[in-house]
PDB file of N, CA and C in Angstrom:
ATOM      1  N   MET A   1     -21.719 -20.455   9.499  1.00  0.00           N
ATOM      2  CA  MET A   1     -21.404 -19.109   9.557  1.00  0.00           C
ATOM      3  C   MET A   1     -20.029 -18.825  10.177  1.00  0.00           C
ATOM      4  N   PHE A   2     -19.707 -19.598  11.302  1.00  0.00           N
ATOM      5  CA  PHE A   2     -18.389 -19.469  11.887  1.00  0.00           C
ATOM      6  C   PHE A   2     -17.250 -19.969  10.900  1.00  0.00           C
ATOM      7  N   ASP A   3     -17.591 -20.982  10.142  1.00  0.00           N
ATOM      8  CA  ASP A   3     -16.646 -21.449   9.133  1.00  0.00           C
ATOM      9  C   ASP A   3     -16.234 -20.313   8.212  1.00  0.00           C
ATOM     10  N   LYS A   4     -17.248 -19.513   7.811  1.00  0.00           N
ATOM     11  CA  LYS A   4     -16.976 -18.418   6.945  1.00  0.00           C
ATOM     12  C   LYS A   4     -16.077 -17.380   7.602  1.00  0.00           C
ATOM     13  N   LEU A   5     -16.300 -17.141   8.853  1.00  0.00           N
ATOM     14  CA  LEU A   5     -15.526 -16.179   9.644  1.00  0.00           C
ATOM     15  C   LEU A   5     -14.099 -16.622   9.733  1.00  0.00           C
ATOM     16  N   PHE A   6     -13.907 -17.892   9.985  1.00  0.00           N
ATOM     17  CA  PHE A   6     -12.493 -18.394  10.084  1.00  0.00           C
ATOM     18  C   PHE A   6     -11.816 -18.377   8.651  1.00  0.00           C
ATOM     19  N   GLU A   7     -12.607 -18.618   7.666  1.00  0.00           N
ATOM     20  CA  GLU A   7     -12.144 -18.570   6.285  1.00  0.00           C
ATOM     21  C   GLU A   7     -11.700 -17.097   5.935  1.00  0.00           C
ATOM     22  N   VAL A   8     -12.525 -16.152   6.387  1.00  0.00           N
ATOM     23  CA  VAL A   8     -12.150 -14.752   6.147  1.00  0.00           C
ATOM     24  C   VAL A   8     -10.850 -14.413   6.868  1.00  0.00           C
ATOM     25  N   GLN A   9     -10.712 -14.817   8.058  1.00  0.00           N
ATOM     26  CA  GLN A   9      -9.411 -14.583   8.832  1.00  0.00           C
ATOM     27  C   GLN A   9      -8.232 -15.127   8.072  1.00  0.00           C
ATOM     28  N   ALA A  10      -8.383 -16.390   7.569  1.00  0.00           N
ATOM     29  CA  ALA A  10      -7.274 -17.032   6.881  1.00  0.00           C
ATOM     30  C   ALA A  10      -6.955 -16.235   5.578  1.00  0.00           C
ATOM     31  N   LYS A  11      -7.978 -15.869   4.898  1.00  0.00           N
ATOM     32  CA  LYS A  11      -7.791 -15.111   3.607  1.00  0.00           C
ATOM     33  C   LYS A  11      -7.170 -13.769   3.936  1.00  0.00           C
ATOM     34  N   ALA A  12      -7.542 -13.087   4.973  1.00  0.00           N
ATOM     35  CA  ALA A  12      -6.975 -11.844   5.339  1.00  0.00           C
ATOM     36  C   ALA A  12      -5.525 -11.935   5.614  1.00  0.00           C
ATOM     37  N   GLY A  13      -5.112 -13.073   6.305  1.00  0.00           N
ATOM     38  CA  GLY A  13      -3.683 -13.353   6.535  1.00  0.00           C
ATOM     39  C   GLY A  13      -2.942 -13.573   5.209  1.00  0.00           C
ATOM     40  N   GLU A  14      -3.569 -14.231   4.298  1.00  0.00           N
ATOM     41  CA  GLU A  14      -2.982 -14.424   2.966  1.00  0.00           C
ATOM     42  C   GLU A  14      -2.798 -13.156   2.253  1.00  0.00           C
ATOM     43  N   VAL A  15      -3.775 -12.228   2.325  1.00  0.00           N
ATOM     44  CA  VAL A  15      -3.682 -10.950   1.656  1.00  0.00           C
ATOM     45  C   VAL A  15      -2.578 -10.171   2.269  1.00  0.00           C
ATOM     46  N   LYS A  16      -2.422 -10.187   3.650  1.00  0.00           N
ATOM     47  CA  LYS A  16      -1.349  -9.408   4.268  1.00  0.00           C
ATOM     48  C   LYS A  16      -0.001  -9.878   3.793  1.00  0.00           C
ATOM     49  N   GLN A  17       0.205 -11.227   3.670  1.00  0.00           N
ATOM     50  CA  GLN A  17       1.474 -11.772   3.120  1.00  0.00           C
ATOM     51  C   GLN A  17       1.688 -11.241   1.726  1.00  0.00           C
ATOM     52  N   ARG A  18       0.679 -11.274   0.868  1.00  0.00           N
ATOM     53  CA  ARG A  18       0.818 -10.816  -0.508  1.00  0.00           C
ATOM     54  C   ARG A  18       1.243  -9.323  -0.499  1.00  0.00           C
ATOM     55  N   LEU A  19       0.544  -8.573   0.326  1.00  0.00           N
ATOM     56  CA  LEU A  19       0.839  -7.099   0.337  1.00  0.00           C
ATOM     57  C   LEU A  19       2.286  -6.851   0.828  1.00  0.00           C
ATOM     58  N   ASP A  20       2.787  -7.683   1.741  1.00  0.00           N
ATOM     59  CA  ASP A  20       4.197  -7.555   2.107  1.00  0.00           C
ATOM     60  C   ASP A  20       5.141  -7.674   0.996  1.00  0.00           C
ATOM     61  N   GLY A  21       4.782  -8.452  -0.026  1.00  0.00           N
ATOM     62  CA  GLY A  21       5.592  -8.727  -1.185  1.00  0.00           C
ATOM     63  C   GLY A  21       5.401  -7.673  -2.365  1.00  0.00           C
ATOM     64  N   ILE A  22       4.460  -6.812  -2.138  1.00  0.00           N
ATOM     65  CA  ILE A  22       4.242  -5.755  -3.163  1.00  0.00           C
ATOM     66  C   ILE A  22       4.928  -4.450  -2.767  1.00  0.00           C
ATOM     67  N   THR A  23       5.600  -3.862  -3.708  1.00  0.00           N
ATOM     68  CA  THR A  23       6.276  -2.596  -3.473  1.00  0.00           C
ATOM     69  C   THR A  23       5.573  -1.493  -4.239  1.00  0.00           C
ATOM     70  N   VAL A  24       5.335  -0.373  -3.603  1.00  0.00           N
ATOM     71  CA  VAL A  24       4.725   0.766  -4.190  1.00  0.00           C
ATOM     72  C   VAL A  24       5.747   1.933  -4.030  1.00  0.00           C
ATOM     73  N   THR A  25       5.642   2.881  -4.942  1.00  0.00           N
ATOM     74  CA  THR A  25       6.611   3.970  -4.925  1.00  0.00           C
ATOM     75  C   THR A  25       5.967   5.302  -5.066  1.00  0.00           C
ATOM     76  N   GLY A  26       6.265   6.210  -4.160  1.00  0.00           N
ATOM     77  CA  GLY A  26       5.816   7.610  -4.346  1.00  0.00           C
ATOM     78  C   GLY A  26       6.954   8.461  -4.597  1.00  0.00           C
ATOM     79  N   THR A  27       6.771   9.402  -5.583  1.00  0.00           N
ATOM     80  CA  THR A  27       7.859  10.328  -5.927  1.00  0.00           C
ATOM     81  C   THR A  27       7.446  11.801  -5.839  1.00  0.00           C
ATOM     82  N   ALA A  28       8.433  12.645  -5.819  1.00  0.00           N
ATOM     83  CA  ALA A  28       8.198  14.066  -5.808  1.00  0.00           C
ATOM     84  C   ALA A  28       9.362  14.724  -6.558  1.00  0.00           C
ATOM     85  N   GLU A  29       9.067  15.868  -7.063  1.00  0.00           N
ATOM     86  CA  GLU A  29      10.062  16.678  -7.785  1.00  0.00           C
ATOM     87  C   GLU A  29      10.606  15.913  -8.980  1.00  0.00           C
ATOM     88  N   GLY A  30       9.669  15.296  -9.742  1.00  0.00           N
ATOM     89  CA  GLY A  30      10.104  14.600 -10.987  1.00  0.00           C
ATOM     90  C   GLY A  30      10.966  13.388 -10.643  1.00  0.00           C
ATOM     91  N   GLY A  31      10.795  12.740  -9.544  1.00  0.00           N
ATOM     92  CA  GLY A  31      11.481  11.527  -9.229  1.00  0.00           C
ATOM     93  C   GLY A  31      12.790  11.794  -8.451  1.00  0.00           C
ATOM     94  N   LYS A  32      13.097  13.070  -8.138  1.00  0.00           N
ATOM     95  CA  LYS A  32      14.302  13.367  -7.406  1.00  0.00           C
ATOM     96  C   LYS A  32      14.265  12.867  -5.971  1.00  0.00           C
ATOM     97  N   ILE A  33      13.015  12.692  -5.500  1.00  0.00           N
ATOM     98  CA  ILE A  33      12.760  12.081  -4.181  1.00  0.00           C
ATOM     99  C   ILE A  33      11.851  10.929  -4.369  1.00  0.00           C
ATOM    100  N   SER A  34      12.235   9.750  -3.905  1.00  0.00           N
ATOM    101  CA  SER A  34      11.319   8.590  -4.028  1.00  0.00           C
ATOM    102  C   SER A  34      11.262   7.858  -2.735  1.00  0.00           C
ATOM    103  N   VAL A  35      10.069   7.288  -2.507  1.00  0.00           N
ATOM    104  CA  VAL A  35       9.840   6.536  -1.285  1.00  0.00           C
ATOM    105  C   VAL A  35       9.253   5.150  -1.716  1.00  0.00           C
ATOM    106  N   ASN A  36       9.861   4.106  -1.293  1.00  0.00           N
ATOM    107  CA  ASN A  36       9.358   2.767  -1.529  1.00  0.00           C
ATOM    108  C   ASN A  36       8.722   2.172  -0.319  1.00  0.00           C
ATOM    109  N   ALA A  37       7.558   1.602  -0.375  1.00  0.00           N
ATOM    110  CA  ALA A  37       6.903   1.019   0.731  1.00  0.00           C
ATOM    111  C   ALA A  37       6.231  -0.289   0.299  1.00  0.00           C
ATOM    112  N   THR A  38       5.829  -1.137   1.258  1.00  0.00           N
ATOM    113  CA  THR A  38       5.107  -2.339   0.984  1.00  0.00           C
ATOM    114  C   THR A  38       3.627  -2.015   0.819  1.00  0.00           C
ATOM    115  N   GLY A  39       2.851  -2.956   0.292  1.00  0.00           N
ATOM    116  CA  GLY A  39       1.390  -2.802   0.182  1.00  0.00           C
ATOM    117  C   GLY A  39       0.798  -2.676   1.622  1.00  0.00           C
ATOM    118  N   ASN A  40       1.544  -3.045   2.630  1.00  0.00           N
ATOM    119  CA  ASN A  40       1.070  -2.895   4.023  1.00  0.00           C
ATOM    120  C   ASN A  40       1.604  -1.622   4.701  1.00  0.00           C
ATOM    121  N   LYS A  41       2.013  -0.688   3.888  1.00  0.00           N
ATOM    122  CA  LYS A  41       2.390   0.650   4.417  1.00  0.00           C
ATOM    123  C   LYS A  41       3.672   0.634   5.271  1.00  0.00           C
ATOM    124  N   ILE A  42       4.555  -0.201   4.990  1.00  0.00           N
ATOM    125  CA  ILE A  42       5.860  -0.228   5.657  1.00  0.00           C
ATOM    126  C   ILE A  42       6.851   0.428   4.757  1.00  0.00           C
ATOM    127  N   ILE A  43       7.426   1.545   5.130  1.00  0.00           N
ATOM    128  CA  ILE A  43       8.455   2.230   4.240  1.00  0.00           C
ATOM    129  C   ILE A  43       9.706   1.408   4.256  1.00  0.00           C
ATOM    130  N   GLN A  44      10.180   1.078   3.079  1.00  0.00           N
ATOM    131  CA  GLN A  44      11.374   0.308   2.914  1.00  0.00           C
ATOM    132  C   GLN A  44      12.563   1.135   2.618  1.00  0.00           C
ATOM    133  N   SER A  45      12.418   2.210   1.872  1.00  0.00           N
ATOM    134  CA  SER A  45      13.584   3.096   1.519  1.00  0.00           C
ATOM    135  C   SER A  45      13.111   4.396   1.072  1.00  0.00           C
ATOM    136  N   ILE A  46      14.016   5.375   1.289  1.00  0.00           N
ATOM    137  CA  ILE A  46      13.875   6.765   0.848  1.00  0.00           C
ATOM    138  C   ILE A  46      15.128   7.056   0.036  1.00  0.00           C
ATOM    139  N   ASN A  47      14.908   7.644  -1.180  1.00  0.00           N
ATOM    140  CA  ASN A  47      16.115   7.989  -2.047  1.00  0.00           C
ATOM    141  C   ASN A  47      15.881   9.466  -2.395  1.00  0.00           C
ATOM    142  N   ILE A  48      16.989  10.195  -2.160  1.00  0.00           N
ATOM    143  CA  ILE A  48      17.085  11.643  -2.613  1.00  0.00           C
ATOM    144  C   ILE A  48      18.208  11.762  -3.500  1.00  0.00           C
ATOM    145  N   ASP A  49      17.961  12.294  -4.683  1.00  0.00           N
ATOM    146  CA  ASP A  49      18.977  12.518  -5.679  1.00  0.00           C
ATOM    147  C   ASP A  49      20.101  13.358  -5.059  1.00  0.00           C
ATOM    148  N   ALA A  50      21.326  12.951  -5.256  1.00  0.00           N
ATOM    149  CA  ALA A  50      22.469  13.660  -4.558  1.00  0.00           C
ATOM    150  C   ALA A  50      22.574  15.102  -5.052  1.00  0.00           C
ATOM    151  N   ASP A  51      22.397  15.350  -6.354  1.00  0.00           N
ATOM    152  CA  ASP A  51      22.509  16.762  -6.916  1.00  0.00           C
ATOM    153  C   ASP A  51      21.384  17.628  -6.304  1.00  0.00           C
ATOM    154  N   PHE A  52      20.158  17.047  -6.274  1.00  0.00           N
ATOM    155  CA  PHE A  52      19.064  17.795  -5.732  1.00  0.00           C
ATOM    156  C   PHE A  52      19.299  18.103  -4.199  1.00  0.00           C
ATOM    157  N   PHE A  53      19.835  17.180  -3.546  1.00  0.00           N
ATOM    158  CA  PHE A  53      20.113  17.294  -2.078  1.00  0.00           C
ATOM    159  C   PHE A  53      21.075  18.385  -1.808  1.00  0.00           C
ATOM    160  N   LYS A  54      22.093  18.529  -2.652  1.00  0.00           N
ATOM    161  CA  LYS A  54      23.051  19.641  -2.557  1.00  0.00           C
ATOM    162  C   LYS A  54      22.396  21.004  -2.695  1.00  0.00           C
ATOM    163  N   ASP A  55      21.438  21.143  -3.630  1.00  0.00           N
ATOM    164  CA  ASP A  55      20.874  22.421  -3.950  1.00  0.00           C
ATOM    165  C   ASP A  55      19.658  22.818  -3.169  1.00  0.00           C
ATOM    166  N   ALA A  56      18.943  21.880  -2.573  1.00  0.00           N
ATOM    167  CA  ALA A  56      17.678  22.153  -1.884  1.00  0.00           C
ATOM    168  C   ALA A  56      17.941  22.511  -0.517  1.00  0.00           C
ATOM    169  N   ASP A  57      17.002  23.311   0.076  1.00  0.00           N
ATOM    170  CA  ASP A  57      17.094  23.619   1.524  1.00  0.00           C
ATOM    171  C   ASP A  57      16.304  22.622   2.281  1.00  0.00           C
ATOM    172  N   LYS A  58      16.481  22.587   3.607  1.00  0.00           N
ATOM    173  CA  LYS A  58      15.844  21.677   4.551  1.00  0.00           C
ATOM    174  C   LYS A  58      14.368  21.655   4.364  1.00  0.00           C
ATOM    175  N   GLU A  59      13.684  22.817   4.402  1.00  0.00           N
ATOM    176  CA  GLU A  59      12.295  22.922   4.316  1.00  0.00           C
ATOM    177  C   GLU A  59      11.721  22.304   3.056  1.00  0.00           C
ATOM    178  N   GLU A  60      12.419  22.575   1.958  1.00  0.00           N
ATOM    179  CA  GLU A  60      11.987  22.022   0.612  1.00  0.00           C
ATOM    180  C   GLU A  60      12.054  20.499   0.647  1.00  0.00           C
ATOM    181  N   ILE A  61      13.113  19.975   1.152  1.00  0.00           N
ATOM    182  CA  ILE A  61      13.297  18.498   1.199  1.00  0.00           C
ATOM    183  C   ILE A  61      12.226  17.870   2.101  1.00  0.00           C
ATOM    184  N   GLU A  62      11.968  18.518   3.250  1.00  0.00           N
ATOM    185  CA  GLU A  62      10.922  17.981   4.169  1.00  0.00           C
ATOM    186  C   GLU A  62       9.558  17.997   3.496  1.00  0.00           C
ATOM    187  N   GLU A  63       9.183  19.080   2.837  1.00  0.00           N
ATOM    188  CA  GLU A  63       7.862  19.155   2.173  1.00  0.00           C
ATOM    189  C   GLU A  63       7.790  18.092   1.099  1.00  0.00           C
ATOM    190  N   LEU A  64       8.803  17.950   0.329  1.00  0.00           N
ATOM    191  CA  LEU A  64       8.826  16.907  -0.794  1.00  0.00           C
ATOM    192  C   LEU A  64       8.810  15.509  -0.289  1.00  0.00           C
ATOM    193  N   LEU A  65       9.482  15.260   0.870  1.00  0.00           N
ATOM    194  CA  LEU A  65       9.375  13.988   1.481  1.00  0.00           C
ATOM    195  C   LEU A  65       7.957  13.613   1.913  1.00  0.00           C
ATOM    196  N   VAL A  66       7.254  14.551   2.468  1.00  0.00           N
ATOM    197  CA  VAL A  66       5.870  14.360   2.884  1.00  0.00           C
ATOM    198  C   VAL A  66       5.003  14.075   1.688  1.00  0.00           C
ATOM    199  N   ILE A  67       5.277  14.755   0.605  1.00  0.00           N
ATOM    200  CA  ILE A  67       4.478  14.475  -0.657  1.00  0.00           C
ATOM    201  C   ILE A  67       4.762  13.075  -1.179  1.00  0.00           C
ATOM    202  N   ALA A  68       6.013  12.680  -1.230  1.00  0.00           N
ATOM    203  CA  ALA A  68       6.393  11.337  -1.781  1.00  0.00           C
ATOM    204  C   ALA A  68       5.905  10.248  -0.841  1.00  0.00           C
ATOM    205  N   ILE A  69       5.950  10.459   0.481  1.00  0.00           N
ATOM    206  CA  ILE A  69       5.447   9.478   1.448  1.00  0.00           C
ATOM    207  C   ILE A  69       3.926   9.321   1.296  1.00  0.00           C
ATOM    208  N   ASN A  70       3.205  10.418   1.208  1.00  0.00           N
ATOM    209  CA  ASN A  70       1.739  10.352   1.039  1.00  0.00           C
ATOM    210  C   ASN A  70       1.389   9.667  -0.246  1.00  0.00           C
ATOM    211  N   LYS A  71       2.114   9.893  -1.327  1.00  0.00           N
ATOM    212  CA  LYS A  71       1.806   9.239  -2.597  1.00  0.00           C
ATOM    213  C   LYS A  71       2.023   7.709  -2.439  1.00  0.00           C
ATOM    214  N   ALA A  72       3.144   7.331  -1.736  1.00  0.00           N
ATOM    215  CA  ALA A  72       3.339   5.855  -1.597  1.00  0.00           C
ATOM    216  C   ALA A  72       2.284   5.259  -0.717  1.00  0.00           C
ATOM    217  N   MET A  73       1.844   6.002   0.347  1.00  0.00           N
ATOM    218  CA  MET A  73       0.745   5.453   1.186  1.00  0.00           C
ATOM    219  C   MET A  73      -0.589   5.363   0.499  1.00  0.00           C
ATOM    220  N   GLU A  74      -0.850   6.321  -0.454  1.00  0.00           N
ATOM    221  CA  GLU A  74      -2.067   6.262  -1.262  1.00  0.00           C
ATOM    222  C   GLU A  74      -2.088   5.071  -2.179  1.00  0.00           C
ATOM    223  N   GLN A  75      -0.882   4.795  -2.778  1.00  0.00           N
ATOM    224  CA  GLN A  75      -0.737   3.638  -3.618  1.00  0.00           C
ATOM    225  C   GLN A  75      -0.960   2.369  -2.814  1.00  0.00           C
ATOM    226  N   ALA A  76      -0.415   2.341  -1.655  1.00  0.00           N
ATOM    227  CA  ALA A  76      -0.534   1.113  -0.794  1.00  0.00           C
ATOM    228  C   ALA A  76      -2.023   0.902  -0.390  1.00  0.00           C
ATOM    229  N   ASP A  77      -2.680   1.981  -0.085  1.00  0.00           N
ATOM    230  CA  ASP A  77      -4.190   1.865   0.153  1.00  0.00           C
ATOM    231  C   ASP A  77      -4.920   1.341  -1.013  1.00  0.00           C
ATOM    232  N   ASN A  78      -4.625   1.809  -2.202  1.00  0.00           N
ATOM    233  CA  ASN A  78      -5.281   1.333  -3.416  1.00  0.00           C
ATOM    234  C   ASN A  78      -5.018  -0.165  -3.665  1.00  0.00           C
ATOM    235  N   VAL A  79      -3.765  -0.611  -3.492  1.00  0.00           N
ATOM    236  CA  VAL A  79      -3.395  -1.973  -3.675  1.00  0.00           C
ATOM    237  C   VAL A  79      -4.156  -2.864  -2.642  1.00  0.00           C
ATOM    238  N   SER A  80      -4.113  -2.393  -1.424  1.00  0.00           N
ATOM    239  CA  SER A  80      -4.775  -3.193  -0.357  1.00  0.00           C
ATOM    240  C   SER A  80      -6.282  -3.286  -0.565  1.00  0.00           C
ATOM    241  N   GLN A  81      -6.970  -2.192  -0.939  1.00  0.00           N
ATOM    242  CA  GLN A  81      -8.309  -2.258  -1.123  1.00  0.00           C
ATOM    243  C   GLN A  81      -8.629  -3.172  -2.353  1.00  0.00           C
ATOM    244  N   SER A  82      -7.855  -3.168  -3.395  1.00  0.00           N
ATOM    245  CA  SER A  82      -8.080  -4.066  -4.506  1.00  0.00           C
ATOM    246  C   SER A  82      -7.929  -5.527  -4.140  1.00  0.00           C
ATOM    247  N   GLU A  83      -6.901  -5.808  -3.352  1.00  0.00           N
ATOM    248  CA  GLU A  83      -6.635  -7.166  -2.891  1.00  0.00           C
ATOM    249  C   GLU A  83      -7.832  -7.656  -2.077  1.00  0.00           C
ATOM    250  N   MET A  84      -8.286  -6.834  -1.023  1.00  0.00           N
ATOM    251  CA  MET A  84      -9.331  -7.252  -0.200  1.00  0.00           C
ATOM    252  C   MET A  84     -10.658  -7.374  -0.962  1.00  0.00           C
ATOM    253  N   ALA A  85     -10.919  -6.490  -1.906  1.00  0.00           N
ATOM    254  CA  ALA A  85     -12.201  -6.573  -2.643  1.00  0.00           C
ATOM    255  C   ALA A  85     -12.199  -7.900  -3.440  1.00  0.00           C
ATOM    256  N   ALA A  86     -10.987  -8.231  -4.020  1.00  0.00           N
ATOM    257  CA  ALA A  86     -10.987  -9.485  -4.859  1.00  0.00           C
ATOM    258  C   ALA A  86     -11.231 -10.713  -3.970  1.00  0.00           C
ATOM    259  N   VAL A  87     -10.611 -10.734  -2.806  1.00  0.00           N
ATOM    260  CA  VAL A  87     -10.813 -11.837  -1.843  1.00  0.00           C
ATOM    261  C   VAL A  87     -12.225 -11.905  -1.399  1.00  0.00           C
ATOM    262  N   THR A  88     -12.811 -10.773  -1.008  1.00  0.00           N
ATOM    263  CA  THR A  88     -14.215 -10.746  -0.640  1.00  0.00           C
ATOM    264  C   THR A  88     -15.158 -11.216  -1.683  1.00  0.00           C
ATOM    265  N   LYS A  89     -14.958 -10.775  -2.878  1.00  0.00           N
ATOM    266  CA  LYS A  89     -15.804 -11.165  -3.993  1.00  0.00           C
ATOM    267  C   LYS A  89     -15.657 -12.705  -4.268  1.00  0.00           C
ATOM    268  N   ASP A  90     -14.417 -13.178  -4.259  1.00  0.00           N
ATOM    269  CA  ASP A  90     -14.226 -14.618  -4.450  1.00  0.00           C
ATOM    270  C   ASP A  90     -14.909 -15.466  -3.372  1.00  0.00           C
ATOM    271  N   MET A  91     -14.759 -15.013  -2.105  1.00  0.00           N
ATOM    272  CA  MET A  91     -15.280 -15.776  -0.981  1.00  0.00           C
ATOM    273  C   MET A  91     -16.823 -15.775  -0.939  1.00  0.00           C
ATOM    274  N   PHE A  92     -17.362 -14.560  -1.071  1.00  0.00           N
ATOM    275  CA  PHE A  92     -18.784 -14.409  -0.766  1.00  0.00           C
ATOM    276  C   PHE A  92     -19.615 -14.287  -2.033  1.00  0.00           C
ATOM    277  N   GLY A  93     -19.038 -13.886  -3.122  1.00  0.00           N
ATOM    278  CA  GLY A  93     -19.820 -13.627  -4.271  1.00  0.00           C
ATOM    279  C   GLY A  93     -20.906 -12.638  -4.021  1.00  0.00           C
ATOM    280  N   GLY A  94     -20.595 -11.626  -3.234  1.00  0.00           N
ATOM    281  CA  GLY A  94     -21.590 -10.656  -2.837  1.00  0.00           C
ATOM    282  C   GLY A  94     -22.079 -11.182  -1.477  1.00  0.00           C
ATOM    283  N   LEU A  95     -23.004 -10.516  -0.883  1.00  0.00           N
ATOM    284  CA  LEU A  95     -23.548 -10.811   0.390  1.00  0.00           C
ATOM    285  C   LEU A  95     -24.356 -12.172   0.382  1.00  0.00           C
ATOM    286  N   GLY A  96     -24.874 -12.526  -0.745  1.00  0.00           N
ATOM    287  CA  GLY A  96     -25.691 -13.807  -0.828  1.00  0.00           C
ATOM    288  C   GLY A  96     -24.951 -14.988  -0.405  1.00  0.00           C
ATOM    289  N   GLY A  97     -23.622 -15.054  -0.656  1.00  0.00           N
ATOM    290  CA  GLY A  97     -22.790 -16.164  -0.299  1.00  0.00           C
ATOM    291  C   GLY A  97     -22.658 -16.344   1.236  1.00  0.00           C
ATOM    292  N   MET A  98     -22.830 -15.242   1.928  1.00  0.00           N
ATOM    293  CA  MET A  98     -22.672 -15.280   3.376  1.00  0.00           C
ATOM    294  C   MET A  98     -23.945 -15.922   4.002  1.00  0.00           C
ATOM    295  N   PHE A  99     -25.050 -15.837   3.282  1.00  0.00           N
ATOM    296  CA  PHE A  99     -26.290 -16.393   3.815  1.00  0.00           C
ATOM    297  C   PHE A  99     -26.759 -17.616   3.065  1.00  0.00           C
ATOM    298  N   ASN A 100     -25.790 -18.250   2.368  1.00  0.00           N
ATOM    299  CA  ASN A 100     -26.054 -19.479   1.629  1.00  0.00           C
ATOM    300  C   ASN A 100     -27.125 -19.301   0.597  1.00  0.00           C
ATOM    301  N   LYS A 101     -27.200 -18.231  -0.055  1.00  0.00           N
ATOM    302  CA  LYS A 101     -28.161 -17.998  -1.144  1.00  0.00           C
ATOM    303  C   LYS A 101     -27.520 -18.100  -2.511  1.00  0.00           C
TER     304      LYS A 101
END
Protein backbone atom coordinates (compact mmCIF):
# COMPACT_ATOMS: atom_id res chain seq x y z
CA MET A 1 0.00 0.00 0.00
CA PHE A 2 2.82 2.43 0.84
CA ASP A 3 4.44 1.61 -2.49
CA LYS A 4 1.27 2.81 -4.20
CA LEU A 5 1.33 6.04 -2.18
CA PHE A 6 4.93 6.74 -3.18
CA GLU A 7 4.05 5.94 -6.76
CA VAL A 8 1.15 8.40 -6.58
CA GLN A 9 3.48 11.12 -5.29
CA ALA A 10 5.96 10.47 -8.09
CA LYS A 11 3.21 10.52 -10.72
CA ALA A 12 1.80 13.75 -9.26
CA GLY A 13 5.25 15.32 -9.65
CA GLU A 14 5.37 14.18 -13.26
CA VAL A 15 1.93 15.65 -13.91
CA LYS A 16 3.01 18.96 -12.38
CA GLN A 17 6.01 19.07 -14.72
CA ARG A 18 3.80 18.31 -17.73
CA LEU A 19 1.35 21.02 -16.67
CA ASP A 20 4.23 23.51 -16.46
CA GLY A 21 4.82 22.84 -20.17
CA ILE A 22 1.19 23.32 -21.20
CA THR A 23 0.00 26.81 -22.12
CA VAL A 24 -3.66 27.80 -21.92
CA THR A 25 -5.14 31.05 -23.14
CA GLY A 26 -8.12 33.07 -22.00
CA THR A 27 -9.43 35.86 -24.18
CA ALA A 28 -11.96 38.66 -23.94
CA GLU A 29 -13.46 41.18 -26.33
CA GLY A 30 -12.88 38.97 -29.35
CA GLY A 31 -9.22 38.38 -28.57
CA LYS A 32 -8.34 42.01 -27.96
CA ILE A 33 -7.26 40.97 -24.48
CA SER A 34 -5.52 37.64 -23.99
CA VAL A 35 -3.96 35.96 -20.99
CA ASN A 36 -1.54 33.03 -21.27
CA ALA A 37 -0.97 30.74 -18.30
CA THR A 38 0.51 27.33 -17.60
CA GLY A 39 -1.58 24.29 -16.77
CA ASN A 40 -0.47 24.97 -13.17
CA LYS A 41 -2.23 28.36 -13.18
CA ILE A 42 0.89 30.51 -13.45
CA ILE A 43 0.16 33.56 -15.61
CA GLN A 44 2.89 33.96 -18.20
CA SER A 45 1.70 36.96 -20.18
CA ILE A 46 -1.09 39.44 -20.73
CA ASN A 47 -1.61 41.08 -24.08
CA ILE A 48 -3.92 44.04 -24.77
CA ASP A 49 -4.41 45.16 -28.35
CA ALA A 50 -2.87 48.63 -28.70
CA ASP A 51 -5.84 50.11 -30.56
CA PHE A 52 -8.29 48.74 -28.03
CA PHE A 53 -6.13 50.05 -25.20
CA LYS A 54 -6.27 53.57 -26.65
CA ASP A 55 -10.07 53.57 -26.90
CA ALA A 56 -11.10 51.67 -23.74
CA ASP A 57 -11.46 53.16 -20.30
CA LYS A 58 -9.78 51.82 -17.17
CA GLU A 59 -12.89 50.06 -15.79
CA GLU A 60 -13.58 48.30 -19.10
CA ILE A 61 -10.01 47.02 -19.34
CA GLU A 62 -10.08 45.81 -15.72
CA GLU A 63 -13.38 43.96 -16.23
CA LEU A 64 -12.16 42.32 -19.42
CA LEU A 65 -8.86 41.34 -17.80
CA VAL A 66 -10.78 39.55 -15.06
CA ILE A 67 -12.83 37.71 -17.71
CA ALA A 68 -9.73 36.67 -19.66
CA ILE A 69 -7.87 35.56 -16.52
CA ASN A 70 -10.85 33.53 -15.31
CA LYS A 71 -11.13 31.83 -18.71
CA ALA A 72 -7.44 30.93 -18.63
CA MET A 73 -7.76 29.57 -15.07
CA GLU A 74 -10.80 27.52 -16.08
CA GLN A 75 -8.85 26.00 -18.98
CA ALA A 76 -5.94 25.27 -16.64
CA ASP A 77 -8.34 23.50 -14.25
CA ASN A 78 -9.74 21.40 -17.09
CA VAL A 79 -6.28 20.40 -18.31
CA SER A 80 -5.13 19.60 -14.77
CA GLN A 81 -8.20 17.47 -14.04
CA SER A 82 -7.76 15.57 -17.30
CA GLU A 83 -4.09 14.90 -16.61
CA MET A 84 -4.76 13.72 -13.05
CA ALA A 85 -7.69 11.54 -14.13
CA ALA A 86 -5.54 9.85 -16.76
CA VAL A 87 -2.75 9.16 -14.26
CA THR A 88 -5.17 7.87 -11.65
CA LYS A 89 -6.89 5.58 -14.13
CA ASP A 90 -3.54 4.24 -15.40
CA MET A 91 -2.22 3.64 -11.91
CA PHE A 92 -5.22 2.20 -10.19
CA GLY A 93 -7.52 1.05 -12.93
CA GLY A 94 -10.29 2.20 -10.66
CA LEU A 95 -10.28 1.55 -6.91
CA GLY A 96 -9.80 -2.19 -7.36
CA GLY A 97 -6.12 -1.65 -8.20
CA MET A 98 -5.53 -0.01 -4.87
CA PHE A 99 -6.70 -3.13 -3.04
CA ASN A 100 -4.98 -5.62 -5.36
CA LYS A 101 -8.22 -6.81 -6.92
